Structures are given as structure tokens and as C-alpha cells.
């Protein structure tokens, strides 16, 4: 299934229409920059960077950025865009399940609309890896899916809280949904600084937006 997921994103990133909704950094990511600066953050990894909307923003802000994604096409688009903007980024092909970095490597980990693709165990492993590569008191920013999402409960239940919609280009891969107590338990190694629900472009497309600090 993972190979098929990567192939799907490769097709998406290869077209202008597929890239159109992923060109600008999310306002929540932009809004966190003053706090990152106040904390003296220098190193960051963008997990599931896609074509690099957040990686480019963070590099322009002066951080050392590792941009990581499983899509070779997405990384190639990012490489070309970075070169056109005279930006230097470190590009890595891979995923959030096992990060090839030492403990306490990054001051900031960003993973937008990524880590909930899977089941509870998958998400737990990714959160553990994020905790491992963060410096003590380093920040994580990312998203999860709440039960109020209009897609919750649609499709085949393949694991607790996890659904697959066969034939849907966005939801044929597993999506994990959780309530607040489950989310807090998943991030038990963190102090959650901000937790809110925001609706994306489509009605009912609710997401948890999270900012959390790694416990020392």
C-alpha cells in the first residue's frame, strides 16, 4: 500500500493542478515563527514536506531546513523552486516512521497533514520518533483528525478509529481520527501548548492544530 501511496503523490505533484492548493505556507505555521525566533530555534525538519511550501518559508526565515518526503517528484519540484529562490535546503527521501537522525537533532519539527495517515500504532510510532529527534523543549507543530471531521466513519473500518474509502483519491489510504483524550495520550511526552480545531477549504474538513513542546 505504501508504494501505491507514493505513486499517487508523485502523480499529484507532477501537475500544476495537483500542486495548486499546496503553494503557500499555512497561516498557523507563519504565526509560529516569532516564537521560534524567541526560542533561538536554528534547525528544523519538515516531515512530509510535499513540494515544500513550509520548507521554503522556514529557509527564507533563516533556519537550517531538512525537507523530508517519500515522493521523489515532490522533492524534485522543491529542489527546482529552492534553486530559483537561491535557498539552500537539505532534501531527504523517506517517511516519518523511522527517522535517520540522532537523538535531539532538531529544535523544531513540522508535520502538516501527514502523521494521521495510518492507524493508532502508526501514529504512536511517528510521535515517538518526533519526540526522539527533538531537542529538550523543542517544538512540534502539526495536525491530526478529530471525530467531528465530515469523513469520520465513512468507508471501511480497518482499525480502531481508522477508515479507508475505496476509490477515493484522498481517502483510500488509512486515515486515523481521534478525540482529545486520545490525542493528549499520544503526545504524553510533550506539553501541549496550543490545541484547537480548524476547518480547511472544504466544509466539514476539520483538523486538530497542535503546538507541543518536548518534555525534557
N, C-alpha and C. Protein backbone atom coordinates (compact mmCIF):
# COMPACT_ATOMS: atom_id res chain seq x y z
N UNK A 1 0.83 -1.20 0.00
CA UNK A 1 0.00 0.00 0.00
C UNK A 1 0.87 1.26 0.00
N UNK A 2 1.99 1.23 0.77
CA UNK A 2 2.83 2.43 0.85
C UNK A 2 3.37 2.82 -0.52
N UNK A 3 3.76 1.81 -1.32
CA UNK A 3 4.25 2.10 -2.67
C UNK A 3 3.18 2.78 -3.49
N UNK A 4 1.95 2.33 -3.35
CA UNK A 4 0.84 2.93 -4.09
C UNK A 4 0.58 4.36 -3.63
N UNK A 5 0.70 4.60 -2.33
CA UNK A 5 0.54 5.95 -1.79
C UNK A 5 1.56 6.89 -2.41
N UNK A 6 2.81 6.46 -2.45
CA UNK A 6 3.87 7.29 -3.01
C UNK A 6 3.62 7.56 -4.49
N UNK A 7 3.21 6.55 -5.21
CA UNK A 7 2.92 6.73 -6.63
C UNK A 7 1.80 7.75 -6.84
N UNK A 8 0.80 7.72 -5.95
CA UNK A 8 -0.31 8.67 -6.05
C UNK A 8 0.18 10.11 -5.85
N UNK A 9 1.04 10.32 -4.85
CA UNK A 9 1.56 11.67 -4.62
C UNK A 9 2.50 12.09 -5.75
N UNK A 10 3.26 11.17 -6.29
CA UNK A 10 4.11 11.51 -7.43
C UNK A 10 3.28 12.04 -8.59
N UNK A 11 2.15 11.40 -8.85
CA UNK A 11 1.28 11.86 -9.93
C UNK A 11 0.72 13.24 -9.62
N UNK A 12 0.34 13.45 -8.38
CA UNK A 12 -0.25 14.73 -7.98
C UNK A 12 0.76 15.87 -8.13
N UNK A 13 1.98 15.65 -7.64
CA UNK A 13 2.97 16.72 -7.67
C UNK A 13 3.50 16.98 -9.07
N UNK A 14 3.24 16.09 -10.01
CA UNK A 14 3.76 16.26 -11.37
C UNK A 14 2.94 17.25 -12.19
N UNK A 15 1.79 17.69 -11.69
CA UNK A 15 0.92 18.58 -12.48
C UNK A 15 0.71 19.91 -11.77
N UNK A 16 0.50 20.95 -12.55
CA UNK A 16 0.21 22.26 -11.98
C UNK A 16 -1.06 22.23 -11.14
N UNK A 17 -2.09 21.55 -11.63
CA UNK A 17 -3.36 21.49 -10.91
C UNK A 17 -3.20 20.74 -9.59
N UNK A 18 -2.38 19.69 -9.58
CA UNK A 18 -2.16 18.95 -8.35
C UNK A 18 -1.42 19.75 -7.30
N UNK A 19 -0.57 20.65 -7.75
CA UNK A 19 0.24 21.46 -6.82
C UNK A 19 -0.47 22.73 -6.38
N UNK A 20 -1.55 23.09 -7.03
CA UNK A 20 -2.14 24.42 -6.87
C UNK A 20 -2.52 24.76 -5.44
N UNK A 21 -3.05 23.80 -4.69
CA UNK A 21 -3.51 24.08 -3.33
C UNK A 21 -2.40 23.95 -2.28
N UNK A 22 -1.17 23.73 -2.71
CA UNK A 22 -0.07 23.46 -1.77
C UNK A 22 1.13 24.38 -2.01
N UNK A 23 0.85 25.60 -2.44
CA UNK A 23 1.94 26.52 -2.78
C UNK A 23 2.28 27.49 -1.65
N UNK A 24 1.31 27.80 -0.79
CA UNK A 24 1.52 28.81 0.24
C UNK A 24 1.58 28.16 1.62
N UNK A 25 2.48 28.61 2.48
CA UNK A 25 2.53 28.06 3.85
C UNK A 25 1.24 28.36 4.60
N UNK A 26 0.88 27.46 5.50
CA UNK A 26 -0.34 27.65 6.27
C UNK A 26 -0.16 28.83 7.23
N UNK A 27 -1.21 29.65 7.42
CA UNK A 27 -1.09 30.80 8.33
C UNK A 27 -0.65 30.42 9.75
N UNK A 28 -1.04 29.23 10.22
CA UNK A 28 -0.63 28.80 11.56
C UNK A 28 0.90 28.61 11.63
N UNK A 29 1.48 28.09 10.55
CA UNK A 29 2.93 27.92 10.52
C UNK A 29 3.63 29.28 10.49
N UNK A 30 3.08 30.20 9.73
CA UNK A 30 3.64 31.55 9.67
C UNK A 30 3.58 32.20 11.04
N UNK A 31 2.45 32.02 11.73
CA UNK A 31 2.24 32.68 13.02
C UNK A 31 3.18 32.16 14.10
N UNK A 32 3.73 30.96 13.92
CA UNK A 32 4.62 30.40 14.95
C UNK A 32 6.04 30.94 14.85
N UNK A 33 6.39 31.57 13.74
CA UNK A 33 7.77 32.00 13.52
C UNK A 33 8.31 32.91 14.62
N UNK A 34 7.56 33.91 15.11
CA UNK A 34 8.12 34.75 16.19
C UNK A 34 8.49 33.94 17.43
N UNK A 35 7.70 32.91 17.76
CA UNK A 35 8.05 32.09 18.92
C UNK A 35 9.30 31.27 18.66
N UNK A 36 9.44 30.74 17.45
CA UNK A 36 10.66 30.01 17.12
C UNK A 36 11.88 30.91 17.25
N UNK A 37 11.76 32.13 16.79
CA UNK A 37 12.88 33.07 16.90
C UNK A 37 13.18 33.40 18.34
N UNK A 38 12.14 33.59 19.14
CA UNK A 38 12.36 33.94 20.55
C UNK A 38 13.04 32.81 21.31
N UNK A 39 12.85 31.58 20.85
CA UNK A 39 13.47 30.41 21.47
C UNK A 39 14.86 30.12 20.90
N UNK A 40 15.26 30.86 19.89
CA UNK A 40 16.56 30.65 19.27
C UNK A 40 16.63 29.40 18.42
N UNK A 41 15.50 28.97 17.87
CA UNK A 41 15.49 27.76 17.04
C UNK A 41 16.36 27.95 15.80
N UNK A 42 17.18 26.94 15.51
CA UNK A 42 18.08 27.02 14.36
C UNK A 42 17.86 25.89 13.36
N UNK A 43 17.47 24.72 13.86
CA UNK A 43 17.36 23.54 12.99
C UNK A 43 15.93 23.03 12.97
N UNK A 44 15.46 22.63 11.79
CA UNK A 44 14.10 22.14 11.67
C UNK A 44 14.01 21.05 10.63
N UNK A 45 13.04 20.16 10.80
CA UNK A 45 12.72 19.18 9.78
C UNK A 45 11.25 19.30 9.45
N UNK A 46 10.96 19.31 8.16
CA UNK A 46 9.59 19.35 7.64
C UNK A 46 9.27 17.94 7.17
N UNK A 47 8.51 17.19 7.99
CA UNK A 47 8.19 15.80 7.68
C UNK A 47 6.97 15.73 6.77
N UNK A 48 7.14 15.08 5.63
CA UNK A 48 6.07 15.05 4.64
C UNK A 48 5.95 16.41 3.98
N UNK A 49 7.09 16.92 3.52
CA UNK A 49 7.16 18.30 3.03
C UNK A 49 6.43 18.52 1.72
N UNK A 50 6.13 17.45 0.97
CA UNK A 50 5.48 17.63 -0.33
C UNK A 50 6.36 18.41 -1.28
N UNK A 51 5.80 19.48 -1.82
CA UNK A 51 6.58 20.33 -2.72
C UNK A 51 7.23 21.50 -1.99
N UNK A 52 7.11 21.51 -0.65
CA UNK A 52 7.96 22.38 0.15
C UNK A 52 7.44 23.74 0.53
N UNK A 53 6.14 23.92 0.58
CA UNK A 53 5.63 25.26 0.91
C UNK A 53 6.13 25.73 2.28
N UNK A 54 6.17 24.84 3.27
CA UNK A 54 6.65 25.23 4.60
C UNK A 54 8.18 25.23 4.67
N UNK A 55 8.81 24.28 3.99
CA UNK A 55 10.28 24.23 3.97
C UNK A 55 10.85 25.52 3.41
N UNK A 56 10.30 25.99 2.33
CA UNK A 56 10.79 27.22 1.71
C UNK A 56 10.60 28.42 2.63
N UNK A 57 9.44 28.48 3.27
CA UNK A 57 9.16 29.57 4.20
C UNK A 57 10.16 29.57 5.35
N UNK A 58 10.44 28.41 5.91
CA UNK A 58 11.36 28.33 7.05
C UNK A 58 12.80 28.63 6.62
N UNK A 59 13.18 28.19 5.43
CA UNK A 59 14.52 28.50 4.93
C UNK A 59 14.67 30.00 4.69
N UNK A 60 13.64 30.62 4.15
CA UNK A 60 13.69 32.07 3.93
C UNK A 60 13.79 32.82 5.26
N UNK A 61 13.27 32.20 6.33
CA UNK A 61 13.34 32.82 7.66
C UNK A 61 14.69 32.61 8.32
N UNK A 62 15.58 31.85 7.67
CA UNK A 62 16.94 31.70 8.17
C UNK A 62 17.23 30.43 8.93
N UNK A 63 16.28 29.48 8.98
CA UNK A 63 16.54 28.22 9.66
C UNK A 63 17.24 27.24 8.73
N UNK A 64 18.01 26.33 9.34
CA UNK A 64 18.55 25.21 8.57
C UNK A 64 17.44 24.18 8.46
N UNK A 65 17.04 23.86 7.23
CA UNK A 65 15.85 23.05 6.98
C UNK A 65 16.22 21.72 6.35
N UNK A 66 15.75 20.65 6.97
CA UNK A 66 15.73 19.34 6.33
C UNK A 66 14.31 19.11 5.84
N UNK A 67 14.15 18.92 4.55
CA UNK A 67 12.84 18.67 3.94
C UNK A 67 12.76 17.20 3.57
N UNK A 68 11.81 16.48 4.16
CA UNK A 68 11.75 15.03 4.00
C UNK A 68 10.39 14.60 3.47
N UNK A 69 10.40 13.75 2.45
CA UNK A 69 9.17 13.25 1.88
C UNK A 69 9.45 11.94 1.15
N UNK A 70 8.41 11.13 1.00
CA UNK A 70 8.56 9.87 0.27
C UNK A 70 8.42 10.04 -1.23
N UNK A 71 7.94 11.19 -1.66
CA UNK A 71 7.71 11.44 -3.08
C UNK A 71 8.95 12.06 -3.73
N UNK A 72 9.59 11.32 -4.61
CA UNK A 72 10.75 11.85 -5.33
C UNK A 72 10.34 13.02 -6.22
N UNK A 73 9.13 12.97 -6.76
CA UNK A 73 8.64 14.06 -7.62
C UNK A 73 8.48 15.35 -6.81
N UNK A 74 7.88 15.23 -5.63
CA UNK A 74 7.72 16.40 -4.78
C UNK A 74 9.06 17.02 -4.41
N UNK A 75 10.03 16.18 -4.09
CA UNK A 75 11.36 16.69 -3.73
C UNK A 75 12.05 17.35 -4.92
N UNK A 76 11.83 16.82 -6.11
CA UNK A 76 12.43 17.43 -7.29
C UNK A 76 11.83 18.81 -7.56
N UNK A 77 10.51 18.93 -7.40
CA UNK A 77 9.87 20.24 -7.54
C UNK A 77 10.43 21.21 -6.51
N UNK A 78 10.59 20.75 -5.27
CA UNK A 78 11.15 21.59 -4.22
C UNK A 78 12.58 21.99 -4.55
N UNK A 79 13.37 21.07 -5.04
CA UNK A 79 14.77 21.37 -5.40
C UNK A 79 14.82 22.50 -6.44
N UNK A 80 13.97 22.41 -7.44
CA UNK A 80 13.95 23.43 -8.50
C UNK A 80 13.49 24.78 -7.96
N UNK A 81 12.46 24.76 -7.10
CA UNK A 81 11.96 26.01 -6.54
C UNK A 81 12.99 26.67 -5.63
N UNK A 82 13.65 25.86 -4.81
CA UNK A 82 14.68 26.40 -3.92
C UNK A 82 15.82 27.01 -4.70
N UNK A 83 16.23 26.35 -5.77
CA UNK A 83 17.31 26.89 -6.59
C UNK A 83 16.91 28.22 -7.21
N UNK A 84 15.66 28.32 -7.66
CA UNK A 84 15.19 29.56 -8.27
C UNK A 84 15.15 30.71 -7.26
N UNK A 85 14.98 30.37 -5.98
CA UNK A 85 14.92 31.39 -4.93
C UNK A 85 16.26 31.57 -4.22
N UNK A 86 17.30 30.87 -4.69
CA UNK A 86 18.61 30.95 -4.05
C UNK A 86 18.57 30.51 -2.59
N UNK A 87 17.82 29.45 -2.31
CA UNK A 87 17.71 28.91 -0.97
C UNK A 87 18.41 27.56 -0.89
N UNK A 88 19.03 27.30 0.24
CA UNK A 88 19.70 26.02 0.47
C UNK A 88 18.91 25.20 1.48
N UNK A 89 18.49 24.00 1.07
CA UNK A 89 17.79 23.08 1.94
C UNK A 89 18.44 21.71 1.82
N UNK A 90 18.30 20.91 2.85
CA UNK A 90 18.75 19.52 2.81
C UNK A 90 17.54 18.65 2.49
N UNK A 91 17.57 17.96 1.36
CA UNK A 91 16.43 17.15 0.93
C UNK A 91 16.69 15.69 1.24
N UNK A 92 15.69 15.03 1.83
CA UNK A 92 15.80 13.61 2.18
C UNK A 92 14.56 12.88 1.70
N UNK A 93 14.76 11.74 1.04
CA UNK A 93 13.63 10.90 0.66
C UNK A 93 13.41 9.88 1.77
N UNK A 94 12.21 9.85 2.32
CA UNK A 94 11.90 8.93 3.42
C UNK A 94 10.59 9.32 4.07
N UNK A 95 10.25 8.66 5.18
CA UNK A 95 8.99 8.94 5.87
C UNK A 95 9.21 9.07 7.36
N UNK A 96 8.13 9.37 8.07
CA UNK A 96 8.22 9.68 9.49
C UNK A 96 8.26 8.46 10.38
N UNK A 97 8.18 7.26 9.81
CA UNK A 97 8.13 6.05 10.63
C UNK A 97 9.47 5.73 11.28
N UNK A 98 10.56 6.06 10.62
CA UNK A 98 11.89 5.81 11.16
C UNK A 98 12.83 6.88 10.62
N UNK A 99 13.20 7.80 11.48
CA UNK A 99 13.96 8.97 11.04
C UNK A 99 15.46 8.72 11.17
N UNK A 100 16.22 8.93 10.11
CA UNK A 100 17.66 8.62 10.12
C UNK A 100 18.50 9.75 10.71
N UNK A 101 18.13 10.15 11.92
CA UNK A 101 18.84 11.25 12.58
C UNK A 101 19.10 10.88 14.04
N UNK A 102 20.18 11.38 14.61
CA UNK A 102 20.46 11.12 16.03
C UNK A 102 19.40 11.76 16.94
N UNK A 103 19.39 11.33 18.17
CA UNK A 103 18.51 11.94 19.17
C UNK A 103 18.82 13.44 19.28
N UNK A 104 17.77 14.21 19.55
CA UNK A 104 17.90 15.64 19.86
C UNK A 104 18.61 16.41 18.75
N UNK A 105 18.20 16.16 17.51
CA UNK A 105 18.82 16.82 16.36
C UNK A 105 18.18 18.17 16.04
N UNK A 106 16.87 18.30 16.23
CA UNK A 106 16.14 19.45 15.70
C UNK A 106 15.49 20.27 16.81
N UNK A 107 15.51 21.58 16.62
CA UNK A 107 14.81 22.49 17.53
C UNK A 107 13.32 22.56 17.22
N UNK A 108 12.95 22.22 16.00
CA UNK A 108 11.56 22.34 15.57
C UNK A 108 11.24 21.25 14.57
N UNK A 109 10.12 20.57 14.78
CA UNK A 109 9.61 19.58 13.83
C UNK A 109 8.24 20.04 13.36
N UNK A 110 8.07 20.14 12.07
CA UNK A 110 6.79 20.48 11.46
C UNK A 110 6.31 19.29 10.65
N UNK A 111 5.06 18.91 10.83
CA UNK A 111 4.50 17.82 10.02
C UNK A 111 3.02 18.11 9.81
N UNK A 112 2.71 18.70 8.66
CA UNK A 112 1.37 19.22 8.39
C UNK A 112 0.61 18.23 7.52
N UNK A 113 -0.52 17.73 8.05
CA UNK A 113 -1.41 16.81 7.32
C UNK A 113 -0.68 15.53 6.92
N UNK A 114 0.07 14.95 7.83
CA UNK A 114 0.90 13.79 7.49
C UNK A 114 0.71 12.62 8.45
N UNK A 115 0.94 12.83 9.74
CA UNK A 115 1.14 11.70 10.64
C UNK A 115 -0.13 10.90 10.91
N UNK A 116 -1.30 11.42 10.55
CA UNK A 116 -2.54 10.66 10.78
C UNK A 116 -2.86 9.65 9.67
N UNK A 117 -2.00 9.53 8.67
CA UNK A 117 -2.22 8.54 7.62
C UNK A 117 -1.73 7.18 8.11
N UNK A 118 -2.64 6.40 8.65
CA UNK A 118 -2.31 5.10 9.21
C UNK A 118 -3.26 4.78 10.34
N UNK A 119 -2.86 3.87 11.22
CA UNK A 119 -3.68 3.53 12.38
C UNK A 119 -3.06 4.09 13.65
N UNK A 120 -3.66 3.78 14.79
CA UNK A 120 -3.19 4.32 16.05
C UNK A 120 -1.72 3.96 16.30
N UNK A 121 -1.34 2.72 16.01
CA UNK A 121 0.05 2.32 16.20
C UNK A 121 1.00 3.09 15.32
N UNK A 122 0.62 3.31 14.07
CA UNK A 122 1.46 4.10 13.16
C UNK A 122 1.68 5.51 13.70
N UNK A 123 0.58 6.13 14.15
CA UNK A 123 0.68 7.50 14.67
C UNK A 123 1.56 7.52 15.91
N UNK A 124 1.38 6.55 16.78
CA UNK A 124 2.18 6.50 18.00
C UNK A 124 3.67 6.38 17.72
N UNK A 125 4.03 5.55 16.74
CA UNK A 125 5.45 5.41 16.38
C UNK A 125 6.00 6.71 15.82
N UNK A 126 5.21 7.40 15.02
CA UNK A 126 5.67 8.66 14.43
C UNK A 126 5.86 9.74 15.50
N UNK A 127 4.91 9.81 16.43
CA UNK A 127 5.04 10.79 17.52
C UNK A 127 6.28 10.47 18.35
N UNK A 128 6.54 9.19 18.59
CA UNK A 128 7.74 8.80 19.36
C UNK A 128 9.01 9.20 18.62
N UNK A 129 9.03 9.03 17.31
CA UNK A 129 10.20 9.45 16.52
C UNK A 129 10.38 10.96 16.54
N UNK A 130 9.27 11.67 16.46
CA UNK A 130 9.34 13.14 16.53
C UNK A 130 9.92 13.57 17.88
N UNK A 131 9.43 12.95 18.96
CA UNK A 131 9.95 13.26 20.29
C UNK A 131 11.45 12.98 20.36
N UNK A 132 11.86 11.86 19.79
CA UNK A 132 13.27 11.44 19.86
C UNK A 132 14.20 12.44 19.19
N UNK A 133 13.83 12.93 18.01
CA UNK A 133 14.74 13.79 17.25
C UNK A 133 14.66 15.26 17.68
N UNK A 134 13.67 15.61 18.50
CA UNK A 134 13.59 16.97 19.01
C UNK A 134 14.58 17.18 20.16
N UNK A 135 15.10 18.39 20.26
CA UNK A 135 15.87 18.77 21.43
C UNK A 135 14.93 18.95 22.61
N UNK A 136 15.41 18.79 23.85
CA UNK A 136 14.56 19.10 25.00
C UNK A 136 14.01 20.52 24.90
N UNK A 137 12.73 20.64 25.11
CA UNK A 137 11.97 21.89 24.97
C UNK A 137 11.85 22.32 23.50
N UNK A 138 12.21 21.45 22.57
CA UNK A 138 11.96 21.74 21.16
C UNK A 138 10.47 21.68 20.87
N UNK A 139 10.07 22.32 19.77
CA UNK A 139 8.65 22.44 19.44
C UNK A 139 8.26 21.53 18.29
N UNK A 140 7.06 20.99 18.41
CA UNK A 140 6.40 20.28 17.31
C UNK A 140 5.17 21.08 16.92
N UNK A 141 4.94 21.17 15.61
CA UNK A 141 3.69 21.74 15.10
C UNK A 141 3.15 20.80 14.03
N UNK A 142 1.87 20.49 14.13
CA UNK A 142 1.29 19.58 13.15
C UNK A 142 -0.21 19.46 13.30
N UNK A 143 -0.77 18.49 12.61
CA UNK A 143 -2.21 18.31 12.58
C UNK A 143 -2.59 16.86 12.80
N UNK A 144 -3.80 16.67 13.30
CA UNK A 144 -4.44 15.37 13.43
C UNK A 144 -5.90 15.54 13.01
N UNK A 145 -6.61 14.42 12.94
CA UNK A 145 -8.01 14.46 12.51
C UNK A 145 -8.93 14.23 13.70
N UNK A 146 -9.92 15.12 13.92
CA UNK A 146 -10.87 14.94 15.02
C UNK A 146 -12.11 14.16 14.58
N UNK A 147 -12.88 13.73 15.56
CA UNK A 147 -14.09 12.96 15.27
C UNK A 147 -15.16 13.80 14.58
N UNK A 148 -15.09 15.12 14.70
CA UNK A 148 -16.09 15.96 14.05
C UNK A 148 -15.85 16.12 12.55
N UNK A 149 -14.73 15.60 12.05
CA UNK A 149 -14.48 15.65 10.61
C UNK A 149 -15.63 14.97 9.86
N UNK A 150 -16.04 15.57 8.77
CA UNK A 150 -17.16 15.01 8.00
C UNK A 150 -16.83 13.65 7.39
N UNK A 151 -15.55 13.30 7.32
CA UNK A 151 -15.16 12.00 6.77
C UNK A 151 -15.07 10.89 7.82
N UNK A 152 -15.20 11.27 9.10
CA UNK A 152 -15.13 10.26 10.14
C UNK A 152 -16.29 9.27 10.00
N UNK A 153 -15.98 7.98 10.03
CA UNK A 153 -17.00 6.95 9.94
C UNK A 153 -17.37 6.56 8.53
N UNK A 154 -16.80 7.23 7.53
CA UNK A 154 -17.11 6.91 6.14
C UNK A 154 -16.08 5.91 5.61
N UNK A 155 -16.57 4.87 4.93
CA UNK A 155 -15.67 3.87 4.35
C UNK A 155 -15.55 2.65 5.22
N UNK A 156 -14.49 1.89 5.00
CA UNK A 156 -14.25 0.65 5.74
C UNK A 156 -13.46 0.94 7.01
N UNK A 157 -13.94 0.39 8.12
CA UNK A 157 -13.19 0.45 9.36
C UNK A 157 -12.10 -0.61 9.31
N UNK A 158 -10.83 -0.19 9.26
CA UNK A 158 -9.72 -1.14 9.13
C UNK A 158 -8.94 -1.31 10.43
N UNK A 159 -9.17 -0.43 11.39
CA UNK A 159 -8.56 -0.49 12.71
C UNK A 159 -9.32 0.51 13.56
N UNK A 160 -9.21 0.45 14.89
CA UNK A 160 -9.93 1.42 15.72
C UNK A 160 -9.66 2.86 15.29
N UNK A 161 -10.75 3.58 14.99
CA UNK A 161 -10.64 4.97 14.59
C UNK A 161 -10.06 5.20 13.21
N UNK A 162 -9.87 4.15 12.43
CA UNK A 162 -9.16 4.25 11.15
C UNK A 162 -10.04 3.75 10.02
N UNK A 163 -10.21 4.60 9.00
CA UNK A 163 -11.11 4.28 7.89
C UNK A 163 -10.40 4.44 6.55
N UNK A 164 -10.84 3.62 5.60
CA UNK A 164 -10.37 3.68 4.22
C UNK A 164 -11.59 3.80 3.33
N UNK A 165 -11.54 4.73 2.38
CA UNK A 165 -12.63 4.90 1.41
C UNK A 165 -12.13 4.41 0.06
N UNK A 166 -12.57 3.24 -0.35
CA UNK A 166 -12.10 2.66 -1.60
C UNK A 166 -12.52 3.52 -2.78
N UNK A 167 -11.57 3.77 -3.68
CA UNK A 167 -11.86 4.52 -4.89
C UNK A 167 -11.78 6.02 -4.73
N UNK A 168 -11.59 6.53 -3.51
CA UNK A 168 -11.46 7.97 -3.27
C UNK A 168 -9.98 8.34 -3.33
N UNK A 169 -9.64 9.32 -4.17
CA UNK A 169 -8.24 9.63 -4.40
C UNK A 169 -7.54 10.18 -3.15
N UNK A 170 -8.31 10.70 -2.20
CA UNK A 170 -7.70 11.26 -1.00
C UNK A 170 -7.80 10.33 0.21
N UNK A 171 -8.80 9.48 0.26
CA UNK A 171 -9.06 8.72 1.48
C UNK A 171 -9.00 7.21 1.28
N UNK A 172 -8.40 6.75 0.16
CA UNK A 172 -8.24 5.31 0.01
C UNK A 172 -7.09 4.80 0.87
N UNK A 173 -6.20 5.69 1.31
CA UNK A 173 -5.20 5.28 2.28
C UNK A 173 -5.78 5.50 3.68
N UNK A 174 -5.32 4.76 4.69
CA UNK A 174 -5.93 4.85 6.01
C UNK A 174 -5.83 6.25 6.60
N UNK A 175 -6.91 6.68 7.24
CA UNK A 175 -6.95 7.94 7.96
C UNK A 175 -7.39 7.64 9.40
N UNK A 176 -6.61 8.14 10.36
CA UNK A 176 -6.90 7.90 11.77
C UNK A 176 -7.54 9.15 12.38
N UNK A 177 -8.64 8.95 13.10
CA UNK A 177 -9.39 10.03 13.75
C UNK A 177 -9.38 9.80 15.25
N UNK A 178 -9.32 10.87 16.04
CA UNK A 178 -9.27 10.69 17.49
C UNK A 178 -9.95 11.83 18.23
N UNK A 179 -10.36 11.52 19.47
CA UNK A 179 -10.89 12.55 20.35
C UNK A 179 -9.73 13.20 21.12
N UNK A 180 -10.05 14.21 21.92
CA UNK A 180 -9.00 14.94 22.61
C UNK A 180 -8.24 14.08 23.62
N UNK A 181 -8.90 13.25 24.44
CA UNK A 181 -8.13 12.42 25.37
C UNK A 181 -7.13 11.50 24.67
N UNK A 182 -7.53 10.93 23.53
CA UNK A 182 -6.61 10.07 22.79
C UNK A 182 -5.43 10.86 22.26
N UNK A 183 -5.71 12.05 21.73
CA UNK A 183 -4.62 12.89 21.22
C UNK A 183 -3.64 13.25 22.33
N UNK A 184 -4.18 13.64 23.49
CA UNK A 184 -3.31 14.01 24.61
C UNK A 184 -2.47 12.81 25.04
N UNK A 185 -3.07 11.62 25.04
CA UNK A 185 -2.32 10.41 25.41
C UNK A 185 -1.20 10.13 24.40
N UNK A 186 -1.48 10.32 23.13
CA UNK A 186 -0.45 10.11 22.11
C UNK A 186 0.74 11.05 22.32
N UNK A 187 0.48 12.25 22.77
CA UNK A 187 1.53 13.25 22.98
C UNK A 187 1.92 13.35 24.46
N UNK A 188 1.92 12.21 25.14
CA UNK A 188 2.20 12.20 26.58
C UNK A 188 3.62 12.65 26.90
N UNK A 189 4.53 12.57 25.94
CA UNK A 189 5.90 13.03 26.17
C UNK A 189 6.08 14.51 25.89
N UNK A 190 4.99 15.20 25.66
CA UNK A 190 5.02 16.62 25.32
C UNK A 190 4.13 17.41 26.28
N UNK A 191 4.41 18.69 26.38
CA UNK A 191 3.46 19.63 26.95
C UNK A 191 2.74 20.30 25.79
N UNK A 192 1.44 20.10 25.71
CA UNK A 192 0.67 20.70 24.62
C UNK A 192 0.44 22.17 24.93
N UNK A 193 0.98 23.03 24.10
CA UNK A 193 0.89 24.47 24.31
C UNK A 193 -0.35 25.07 23.67
N UNK A 194 -0.71 24.53 22.52
CA UNK A 194 -1.90 25.02 21.81
C UNK A 194 -2.59 23.84 21.15
N UNK A 195 -3.89 23.79 21.29
CA UNK A 195 -4.68 22.73 20.66
C UNK A 195 -6.03 23.31 20.28
N UNK A 196 -6.32 23.29 19.00
CA UNK A 196 -7.58 23.86 18.52
C UNK A 196 -8.02 23.10 17.28
N UNK A 197 -9.27 23.29 16.91
CA UNK A 197 -9.80 22.66 15.70
C UNK A 197 -10.11 23.74 14.67
N UNK A 198 -9.65 23.49 13.44
CA UNK A 198 -9.85 24.44 12.36
C UNK A 198 -10.39 23.71 11.13
N UNK A 199 -11.24 24.39 10.41
CA UNK A 199 -11.80 23.83 9.19
C UNK A 199 -10.95 24.27 8.00
N UNK A 200 -10.62 23.32 7.15
CA UNK A 200 -9.83 23.63 5.96
C UNK A 200 -10.74 24.13 4.84
N UNK A 201 -10.30 23.98 3.61
CA UNK A 201 -11.02 24.58 2.49
C UNK A 201 -12.44 24.04 2.32
N UNK A 202 -12.62 22.73 2.48
CA UNK A 202 -13.93 22.13 2.26
C UNK A 202 -14.76 22.13 3.54
N UNK A 203 -16.08 22.36 3.43
CA UNK A 203 -16.93 22.29 4.63
C UNK A 203 -16.82 20.93 5.31
N UNK A 204 -16.66 20.96 6.62
CA UNK A 204 -16.57 19.72 7.38
C UNK A 204 -15.17 19.14 7.47
N UNK A 205 -14.19 19.78 6.82
CA UNK A 205 -12.82 19.24 6.81
C UNK A 205 -12.05 19.72 8.03
N UNK A 206 -12.52 19.30 9.21
CA UNK A 206 -11.93 19.75 10.47
C UNK A 206 -10.63 19.02 10.77
N UNK A 207 -9.68 19.75 11.33
CA UNK A 207 -8.39 19.19 11.75
C UNK A 207 -8.04 19.73 13.14
N UNK A 208 -7.36 18.89 13.93
CA UNK A 208 -6.70 19.39 15.12
C UNK A 208 -5.42 20.12 14.68
N UNK A 209 -5.18 21.32 15.18
CA UNK A 209 -3.91 22.01 15.01
C UNK A 209 -3.19 21.99 16.35
N UNK A 210 -1.95 21.53 16.34
CA UNK A 210 -1.23 21.25 17.58
C UNK A 210 0.10 21.99 17.59
N UNK A 211 0.42 22.60 18.72
CA UNK A 211 1.77 23.07 19.01
C UNK A 211 2.14 22.44 20.34
N UNK A 212 3.24 21.69 20.39
CA UNK A 212 3.61 20.98 21.61
C UNK A 212 5.11 21.10 21.83
N UNK A 213 5.48 21.14 23.10
CA UNK A 213 6.90 21.24 23.49
C UNK A 213 7.34 19.90 24.05
N UNK A 214 8.48 19.41 23.55
CA UNK A 214 9.02 18.16 24.09
C UNK A 214 9.42 18.33 25.55
N UNK A 215 8.94 17.40 26.37
CA UNK A 215 9.36 17.41 27.76
C UNK A 215 10.84 17.05 27.84
N UNK A 216 11.55 17.63 28.78
CA UNK A 216 12.98 17.37 28.90
C UNK A 216 13.25 16.01 29.52
